[in-house]
Amino acid sequence: MTKCFKILIFAFVILLNLNVKANTDSDKIRFIKSSSFKSIQQIAQQRNQPIFIDFHAYWCIPCRNMEKDVFQNIKVAEFMNNNFVNYKVNIEQGNGPLLSIALGVEKLPGMVIINPNGDIIQIKDSAIGKDNFLRWAKKGLNYFKSNASKETIIAKESTQEINKYCIPYVEKKHFFFF
């Protein structure tokens, strides 16, 4: 190769690197990685925040588009990271199949906002753009904030009643009920 050609390639690589924006944690929604939904609920209870669950599958193209176009948007990421406990679930692995059934998720991408006790606030079962996603998430957060004290009393009673019957099953099968 000629010296001139090497210089052109070097310059091209430098320009490419200047134009590529590196993803940092603040540029995308930080999803908590846990195989135990109970630990997600405990985190949400400690933080007094609702839980955002993103159901996805590796083969789901709309799910990938949501990941790239919505979940990596700076405004969306900042809002979600500050106001929610974010949890990503593969609908085909681990607790994904049972959790999707428990929450009534039938289509992908499936997104659910629940309170820390497991009560559903809202469900979205289709891909949406970043602006519509933010409106949807803000609506869920506002509902959570306005109903948090009422729901806590009701949820504690219903959770205690359900736990009488479900905890032994939970421990043996690694599944939970709300």
Protein backbone atom coordinates (compact mmCIF):
# COMPACT_ATOMS: atom_id res chain seq x y z
CA MET A 1 0.00 0.00 0.00
CA THR A 2 1.08 3.46 -0.65
CA LYS A 3 1.70 5.93 2.10
CA CYS A 4 -1.12 8.17 0.84
CA PHE A 5 -3.62 5.28 0.93
CA LYS A 6 -2.63 4.44 4.53
CA ILE A 7 -3.13 8.05 5.56
CA LEU A 8 -6.60 8.10 3.96
CA ILE A 9 -7.63 4.93 5.78
CA PHE A 10 -6.32 6.29 9.08
CA ALA A 11 -8.22 9.57 8.56
CA PHE A 12 -11.39 7.66 7.68
CA VAL A 13 -11.15 5.55 10.85
CA ILE A 14 -10.62 8.67 12.98
CA LEU A 15 -13.67 10.37 11.44
CA LEU A 16 -15.75 7.26 11.94
CA ASN A 17 -14.81 7.12 15.61
CA LEU A 18 -15.74 10.76 16.09
CA ASN A 19 -19.19 10.16 14.65
CA VAL A 20 -19.94 6.99 16.61
CA LYS A 21 -21.61 7.67 19.92
CA ALA A 22 -20.65 5.21 22.62
CA ASN A 23 -23.48 3.91 24.76
CA THR A 24 -23.12 4.55 28.43
CA ASP A 25 -25.38 3.45 31.27
CA SER A 26 -27.08 6.85 31.31
CA ASP A 27 -27.99 6.46 27.63
CA LYS A 28 -30.23 3.46 28.16
CA ILE A 29 -32.69 2.00 30.58
CA ARG A 30 -30.87 0.04 33.27
CA PHE A 31 -32.68 -3.25 33.70
CA ILE A 32 -32.04 -5.16 36.92
CA LYS A 33 -30.84 -8.66 36.18
CA SER A 34 -32.39 -11.18 38.52
CA SER A 35 -33.95 -14.59 38.13
CA SER A 36 -36.10 -13.96 41.18
CA PHE A 37 -39.10 -11.72 40.75
CA LYS A 38 -39.48 -11.61 44.51
CA SER A 39 -36.13 -9.77 44.74
CA ILE A 40 -37.39 -7.24 42.16
CA GLN A 41 -40.48 -6.67 44.29
CA GLN A 42 -38.34 -6.17 47.38
CA ILE A 43 -36.22 -3.56 45.60
CA ALA A 44 -39.36 -1.75 44.44
CA GLN A 45 -40.80 -1.80 47.96
CA GLN A 46 -37.57 -0.39 49.40
CA ARG A 47 -37.48 2.38 46.79
CA ASN A 48 -41.26 2.89 46.83
CA GLN A 49 -41.30 2.78 43.03
CA PRO A 50 -43.45 0.95 40.51
CA ILE A 51 -41.95 -1.89 38.45
CA PHE A 52 -41.62 -1.67 34.67
CA ILE A 53 -41.38 -5.09 33.03
CA ASP A 54 -40.32 -5.47 29.41
CA PHE A 55 -41.24 -8.87 27.96
CA HIS A 56 -39.19 -9.75 24.89
CA ALA A 57 -37.83 -12.64 22.83
CA TYR A 58 -34.64 -12.84 20.80
CA TRP A 59 -36.56 -13.48 17.57
CA CYS A 60 -38.93 -10.50 18.10
CA ILE A 61 -37.97 -7.71 15.69
CA PRO A 62 -40.33 -5.09 17.22
CA CYS A 63 -38.73 -5.89 20.60
CA ARG A 64 -35.29 -5.17 19.15
CA ASN A 65 -36.56 -1.94 17.65
CA MET A 66 -37.95 -0.86 21.03
CA GLU A 67 -34.58 -1.66 22.61
CA LYS A 68 -32.68 0.37 20.03
CA ASP A 69 -35.07 3.28 19.37
CA VAL A 70 -36.85 3.74 22.70
CA PHE A 71 -34.95 2.14 25.59
CA GLN A 72 -31.66 3.70 24.49
CA ASN A 73 -33.12 7.20 24.16
CA ILE A 74 -31.57 9.54 26.73
CA LYS A 75 -34.86 11.16 27.83
CA VAL A 76 -36.62 7.82 28.17
CA ALA A 77 -33.68 6.27 30.01
CA GLU A 78 -33.39 9.15 32.45
CA PHE A 79 -37.11 9.10 33.24
CA MET A 80 -37.31 5.32 33.63
CA ASN A 81 -34.10 4.99 35.65
CA ASN A 82 -35.20 7.72 38.08
CA ASN A 83 -38.80 6.57 38.58
CA PHE A 84 -39.06 2.81 38.07
CA VAL A 85 -37.47 -0.48 38.97
CA ASN A 86 -36.84 -1.82 35.47
CA TYR A 87 -36.94 -5.55 34.78
CA LYS A 88 -36.40 -7.28 31.41
CA VAL A 89 -37.85 -10.76 30.95
CA ASN A 90 -37.35 -13.19 28.09
CA ILE A 91 -40.80 -14.64 27.56
CA GLU A 92 -39.34 -18.04 26.63
CA GLN A 93 -36.81 -18.55 29.43
CA GLY A 94 -36.63 -18.76 33.21
CA ASN A 95 -39.68 -17.33 34.91
CA GLY A 96 -40.71 -15.55 31.69
CA PRO A 97 -43.43 -17.98 30.52
CA LEU A 98 -45.16 -18.16 33.90
CA LEU A 99 -44.75 -14.46 34.64
CA SER A 100 -46.26 -13.50 31.28
CA ILE A 101 -49.26 -15.73 31.98
CA ALA A 102 -49.67 -14.32 35.50
CA LEU A 103 -49.66 -10.76 34.15
CA GLY A 104 -51.75 -11.47 31.05
CA VAL A 105 -49.09 -10.64 28.46
CA GLU A 106 -50.14 -12.27 25.20
CA LYS A 107 -48.21 -10.31 22.55
CA LEU A 108 -44.69 -9.02 22.08
CA PRO A 109 -43.30 -6.62 22.84
CA GLY A 110 -45.21 -6.71 26.08
CA MET A 111 -44.71 -3.98 28.63
CA VAL A 112 -46.29 -3.91 32.06
CA ILE A 113 -46.23 -1.44 34.93
CA ILE A 114 -47.13 -2.90 38.31
CA ASN A 115 -46.91 -1.70 41.87
CA PRO A 116 -44.42 -3.41 44.23
CA ASN A 117 -47.16 -5.74 45.48
CA GLY A 118 -47.79 -7.09 41.99
CA ASP A 119 -51.00 -5.25 41.13
CA ILE A 120 -51.15 -4.32 37.46
CA ILE A 121 -51.28 -0.60 36.74
CA GLN A 122 -51.19 -0.82 32.95
CA ILE A 123 -50.20 -3.07 30.06
CA LYS A 124 -48.99 -2.26 26.54
CA ASP A 125 -48.73 -5.07 24.02
CA SER A 126 -47.27 -3.41 20.96
CA ALA A 127 -44.23 -1.43 19.91
CA ILE A 128 -44.51 2.33 20.33
CA GLY A 129 -42.25 5.30 19.71
CA LYS A 130 -40.30 7.12 22.39
CA ASP A 131 -42.82 9.96 22.81
CA ASN A 132 -45.79 7.62 23.18
CA PHE A 133 -43.77 5.40 25.49
CA LEU A 134 -42.94 8.35 27.75
CA ARG A 135 -46.62 9.40 27.86
CA TRP A 136 -47.59 5.82 28.70
CA ALA A 137 -44.94 5.52 31.44
CA LYS A 138 -45.80 8.94 32.95
CA LYS A 139 -49.47 7.96 33.08
CA GLY A 140 -48.53 4.76 34.96
CA LEU A 141 -46.25 6.63 37.35
CA ASN A 142 -48.93 9.24 38.09
CA TYR A 143 -51.46 6.51 38.81
CA PHE A 144 -48.97 4.78 41.11
CA LYS A 145 -48.26 7.98 43.03
CA SER A 146 -51.91 8.93 43.41
CA ASN A 147 -53.00 5.45 44.52
CA ALA A 148 -49.95 4.19 46.42
CA SER A 149 -51.40 4.56 49.90
CA LYS A 150 -54.79 3.02 49.01
CA GLU A 151 -53.25 0.11 47.11
CA THR A 152 -50.78 -0.73 49.87
CA ILE A 153 -53.54 -1.46 52.38
CA ILE A 154 -55.56 -3.59 49.93
CA ALA A 155 -52.49 -5.34 48.49
CA LYS A 156 -51.14 -6.28 51.93
CA GLU A 157 -54.41 -8.01 52.78
CA SER A 158 -54.69 -9.81 49.45
CA THR A 159 -50.98 -10.72 49.37
CA GLN A 160 -51.18 -12.21 52.88
CA GLU A 161 -54.19 -14.30 51.88
CA ILE A 162 -52.56 -15.53 48.66
CA ASN A 163 -49.24 -16.26 50.38
CA LYS A 164 -50.96 -18.70 52.74
CA TYR A 165 -51.55 -20.97 49.79
CA CYS A 166 -48.75 -20.13 47.37
CA ILE A 167 -45.50 -19.75 49.33
CA PRO A 168 -44.79 -23.52 49.61
CA TYR A 169 -45.31 -23.83 45.87
CA VAL A 170 -43.14 -20.80 45.22
CA GLU A 171 -40.16 -22.19 47.11
CA LYS A 172 -40.28 -25.59 45.43
CA LYS A 173 -41.06 -24.51 41.86
CA HIS A 174 -39.30 -21.12 41.80
CA PHE A 175 -42.49 -19.35 40.88
CA PHE A 176 -44.55 -16.77 42.65
CA PHE A 177 -48.05 -15.46 42.82
CA PHE A 178 -49.09 -11.95 43.64
